[in-house]
Amino acid sequence: MEHYLVIDDDASVYKVKPTENSLADLQALVGGYIECVRVTPEIDAWVNEEGLIKGDFVFNLLGTFVVNGENGHGGYQLVGPVVFTSHDGEGNTLPVPEAWSKKQTAEMDVFGNGEILTVETCVSRMQAMRATV
């Protein structure tokens, strides 16, 4: 099933169903303006553009580990939710490839046993988790 892979800064992992408006999806999931980090030629990671500046989020160890492990860069320090997607030749955002998602989540505890959530449900769940901290 097509989905974005979302890793929140508390190491919660979600699969989220894309809508027709990928910009709105990404902005809702990262909590603001978006910035793209190219992970591989096929995979993008989207983060909150102002996450480091505003200090609204904490270090995302798991998301950073996935990004740095995949691209071999090793220098990214990501904060807040990280949304993994793919793209086409024209730069349009697409769901993450199923094989890549399975590889990444093989040893992760994905929320709802891998249930595909709506953007709204995922955002509500992440907000609820932040409220308990």
C-alpha atoms as a PDB file:
ATOM      1  CA  MET A   1       0.000   0.000   0.000  1.00  0.00           C
ATOM      2  CA  GLU A   2       1.366   3.427  -0.932  1.00  0.00           C
ATOM      3  CA  HIS A   3       2.559   5.522   1.985  1.00  0.00           C
ATOM      4  CA  TYR A   4       5.006   8.035   3.376  1.00  0.00           C
ATOM      5  CA  LEU A   5       7.256   6.771   6.165  1.00  0.00           C
ATOM      6  CA  VAL A   6       7.289   9.149   9.146  1.00  0.00           C
ATOM      7  CA  ILE A   7       9.785   8.940  12.018  1.00  0.00           C
ATOM      8  CA  ASP A   8       9.023  11.325  14.869  1.00  0.00           C
ATOM      9  CA  ASP A   9      11.668  12.660  17.246  1.00  0.00           C
ATOM     10  CA  ASP A  10      10.475  10.288  19.982  1.00  0.00           C
ATOM     11  CA  ALA A  11      11.318   7.339  17.647  1.00  0.00           C
ATOM     12  CA  SER A  12       7.649   6.660  16.869  1.00  0.00           C
ATOM     13  CA  VAL A  13       7.277   5.301  13.334  1.00  0.00           C
ATOM     14  CA  TYR A  14       4.172   5.775  11.194  1.00  0.00           C
ATOM     15  CA  LYS A  15       2.991   4.860   7.706  1.00  0.00           C
ATOM     16  CA  VAL A  16       0.842   7.645   6.267  1.00  0.00           C
ATOM     17  CA  LYS A  17      -1.456   7.638   3.245  1.00  0.00           C
ATOM     18  CA  PRO A  18      -0.637  10.497   0.840  1.00  0.00           C
ATOM     19  CA  THR A  19      -3.382  12.801  -0.389  1.00  0.00           C
ATOM     20  CA  GLU A  20      -3.514  14.707  -3.663  1.00  0.00           C
ATOM     21  CA  ASN A  21      -1.796  17.691  -2.001  1.00  0.00           C
ATOM     22  CA  SER A  22       1.703  16.513  -1.078  1.00  0.00           C
ATOM     23  CA  LEU A  23       2.809  20.017   0.008  1.00  0.00           C
ATOM     24  CA  ALA A  24       0.001  20.237   2.552  1.00  0.00           C
ATOM     25  CA  ASP A  25       0.716  16.662   3.676  1.00  0.00           C
ATOM     26  CA  LEU A  26       4.402  17.354   4.262  1.00  0.00           C
ATOM     27  CA  GLN A  27       3.833  20.702   5.990  1.00  0.00           C
ATOM     28  CA  ALA A  28       1.285  19.133   8.347  1.00  0.00           C
ATOM     29  CA  LEU A  29       3.532  16.169   9.134  1.00  0.00           C
ATOM     30  CA  VAL A  30       6.653  18.248   9.912  1.00  0.00           C
ATOM     31  CA  GLY A  31       4.732  21.053  11.603  1.00  0.00           C
ATOM     32  CA  GLY A  32       5.639  23.964   9.344  1.00  0.00           C
ATOM     33  CA  TYR A  33       7.693  24.941   6.336  1.00  0.00           C
ATOM     34  CA  ILE A  34       9.471  22.032   4.669  1.00  0.00           C
ATOM     35  CA  GLU A  35      13.067  21.405   3.684  1.00  0.00           C
ATOM     36  CA  CYS A  36      14.240  18.448   1.613  1.00  0.00           C
ATOM     37  CA  VAL A  37      17.283  16.353   2.450  1.00  0.00           C
ATOM     38  CA  ARG A  38      18.278  14.106  -0.458  1.00  0.00           C
ATOM     39  CA  VAL A  39      18.902  10.679   1.050  1.00  0.00           C
ATOM     40  CA  THR A  40      19.589   8.677  -2.113  1.00  0.00           C
ATOM     41  CA  PRO A  41      18.873   9.438  -5.775  1.00  0.00           C
ATOM     42  CA  GLU A  42      15.413   7.896  -5.208  1.00  0.00           C
ATOM     43  CA  ILE A  43      14.602   8.817  -1.583  1.00  0.00           C
ATOM     44  CA  ASP A  44      13.947  12.217  -0.004  1.00  0.00           C
ATOM     45  CA  ALA A  45      13.628  13.108   3.674  1.00  0.00           C
ATOM     46  CA  TRP A  46      11.492  16.126   4.548  1.00  0.00           C
ATOM     47  CA  VAL A  47      12.012  18.068   7.777  1.00  0.00           C
ATOM     48  CA  ASN A  48      10.819  21.309   9.332  1.00  0.00           C
ATOM     49  CA  GLU A  49      12.863  24.081   7.722  1.00  0.00           C
ATOM     50  CA  GLU A  50      12.974  26.102  10.940  1.00  0.00           C
ATOM     51  CA  GLY A  51      13.271  23.158  13.341  1.00  0.00           C
ATOM     52  CA  LEU A  52      16.828  23.924  14.425  1.00  0.00           C
ATOM     53  CA  ILE A  53      16.232  27.670  14.637  1.00  0.00           C
ATOM     54  CA  LYS A  54      12.978  27.736  16.585  1.00  0.00           C
ATOM     55  CA  GLY A  55      13.869  24.984  19.033  1.00  0.00           C
ATOM     56  CA  ASP A  56      10.362  23.471  18.942  1.00  0.00           C
ATOM     57  CA  PHE A  57      11.689  19.961  18.408  1.00  0.00           C
ATOM     58  CA  VAL A  58      14.334  17.676  19.835  1.00  0.00           C
ATOM     59  CA  PHE A  59      17.050  15.674  18.107  1.00  0.00           C
ATOM     60  CA  ASN A  60      15.625  12.841  16.007  1.00  0.00           C
ATOM     61  CA  LEU A  61      18.124  10.052  16.603  1.00  0.00           C
ATOM     62  CA  LEU A  62      16.322   7.376  14.571  1.00  0.00           C
ATOM     63  CA  GLY A  63      15.528   9.660  11.620  1.00  0.00           C
ATOM     64  CA  THR A  64      19.106  10.947  11.584  1.00  0.00           C
ATOM     65  CA  PHE A  65      20.424   7.375  11.735  1.00  0.00           C
ATOM     66  CA  VAL A  66      18.357   6.361   8.683  1.00  0.00           C
ATOM     67  CA  VAL A  67      19.387   9.429   6.663  1.00  0.00           C
ATOM     68  CA  ASN A  68      23.082   9.230   7.528  1.00  0.00           C
ATOM     69  CA  GLY A  69      23.173   5.460   7.068  1.00  0.00           C
ATOM     70  CA  GLU A  70      21.564   5.602   3.645  1.00  0.00           C
ATOM     71  CA  ASN A  71      23.586   8.428   2.145  1.00  0.00           C
ATOM     72  CA  GLY A  72      26.909   7.782   3.845  1.00  0.00           C
ATOM     73  CA  HIS A  73      27.212  11.474   4.700  1.00  0.00           C
ATOM     74  CA  GLY A  74      27.157  11.090   8.452  1.00  0.00           C
ATOM     75  CA  GLY A  75      26.857  14.802   9.167  1.00  0.00           C
ATOM     76  CA  TYR A  76      23.132  15.441   9.404  1.00  0.00           C
ATOM     77  CA  GLN A  77      21.632  16.322  12.790  1.00  0.00           C
ATOM     78  CA  LEU A  78      17.867  16.264  12.219  1.00  0.00           C
ATOM     79  CA  VAL A  79      15.218  17.482  14.649  1.00  0.00           C
ATOM     80  CA  GLY A  80      11.485  16.898  14.723  1.00  0.00           C
ATOM     81  CA  PRO A  81       9.555  14.556  12.472  1.00  0.00           C
ATOM     82  CA  VAL A  82      11.266  13.209   9.351  1.00  0.00           C
ATOM     83  CA  VAL A  83       9.044  12.220   6.414  1.00  0.00           C
ATOM     84  CA  PHE A  84      10.519   9.856   3.839  1.00  0.00           C
ATOM     85  CA  THR A  85       9.177   9.995   0.286  1.00  0.00           C
ATOM     86  CA  SER A  86      10.261   9.369  -3.271  1.00  0.00           C
ATOM     87  CA  HIS A  87       9.953  11.544  -6.389  1.00  0.00           C
ATOM     88  CA  ASP A  88       9.548  11.259 -10.138  1.00  0.00           C
ATOM     89  CA  GLY A  89      11.764  12.665 -12.891  1.00  0.00           C
ATOM     90  CA  GLU A  90       9.957  16.004 -12.719  1.00  0.00           C
ATOM     91  CA  GLY A  91      10.471  16.377  -8.972  1.00  0.00           C
ATOM     92  CA  ASN A  92       6.919  15.526  -7.934  1.00  0.00           C
ATOM     93  CA  THR A  93       6.673  13.940  -4.493  1.00  0.00           C
ATOM     94  CA  LEU A  94       5.617  10.299  -4.489  1.00  0.00           C
ATOM     95  CA  PRO A  95       5.083   7.651  -1.809  1.00  0.00           C
ATOM     96  CA  VAL A  96       8.190   5.893  -0.539  1.00  0.00           C
ATOM     97  CA  PRO A  97       8.943   2.625  -2.404  1.00  0.00           C
ATOM     98  CA  GLU A  98       7.478  -0.345  -0.533  1.00  0.00           C
ATOM     99  CA  ALA A  99      10.733  -2.345  -0.667  1.00  0.00           C
ATOM    100  CA  TRP A 100      12.705   0.557   0.850  1.00  0.00           C
ATOM    101  CA  SER A 101      10.089   1.041   3.571  1.00  0.00           C
ATOM    102  CA  LYS A 102      10.141  -2.661   4.452  1.00  0.00           C
ATOM    103  CA  LYS A 103      13.936  -2.648   4.635  1.00  0.00           C
ATOM    104  CA  GLN A 104      13.976   0.371   6.953  1.00  0.00           C
ATOM    105  CA  THR A 105      11.187  -0.802   9.232  1.00  0.00           C
ATOM    106  CA  ALA A 106      12.233  -4.461   9.490  1.00  0.00           C
ATOM    107  CA  GLU A 107      13.456  -3.928  13.059  1.00  0.00           C
ATOM    108  CA  MET A 108      11.257  -0.965  14.000  1.00  0.00           C
ATOM    109  CA  ASP A 109       8.009  -0.960  15.930  1.00  0.00           C
ATOM    110  CA  VAL A 110       5.645   0.690  13.442  1.00  0.00           C
ATOM    111  CA  PHE A 111       2.543   2.265  14.991  1.00  0.00           C
ATOM    112  CA  GLY A 112      -0.586   0.137  14.664  1.00  0.00           C
ATOM    113  CA  ASN A 113       1.359  -2.870  13.354  1.00  0.00           C
ATOM    114  CA  GLY A 114       1.964  -1.008  10.100  1.00  0.00           C
ATOM    115  CA  GLU A 115      -1.565   0.323   9.683  1.00  0.00           C
ATOM    116  CA  ILE A 116      -1.699   3.122   7.102  1.00  0.00           C
ATOM    117  CA  LEU A 117      -2.885   6.320   8.825  1.00  0.00           C
ATOM    118  CA  THR A 118      -4.353   9.495   7.388  1.00  0.00           C
ATOM    119  CA  VAL A 119      -2.236  12.623   7.645  1.00  0.00           C
ATOM    120  CA  GLU A 120      -4.644  14.029  10.221  1.00  0.00           C
ATOM    121  CA  THR A 121      -4.528  10.916  12.390  1.00  0.00           C
ATOM    122  CA  CYS A 122      -0.738  10.822  12.304  1.00  0.00           C
ATOM    123  CA  VAL A 123      -0.448  14.511  13.222  1.00  0.00           C
ATOM    124  CA  SER A 124      -2.916  14.023  16.102  1.00  0.00           C
ATOM    125  CA  ARG A 125      -0.970  11.014  17.355  1.00  0.00           C
ATOM    126  CA  MET A 126       2.355  12.897  17.236  1.00  0.00           C
ATOM    127  CA  GLN A 127       0.815  15.873  19.045  1.00  0.00           C
ATOM    128  CA  ALA A 128      -0.620  13.580  21.710  1.00  0.00           C
ATOM    129  CA  MET A 129       2.793  12.000  22.247  1.00  0.00           C
ATOM    130  CA  ARG A 130       4.398  15.459  22.639  1.00  0.00           C
ATOM    131  CA  ALA A 131       1.742  16.429  25.196  1.00  0.00           C
ATOM    132  CA  THR A 132       2.730  13.514  27.428  1.00  0.00           C
ATOM    133  CA  VAL A 133       6.408  14.464  27.550  1.00  0.00           C
END
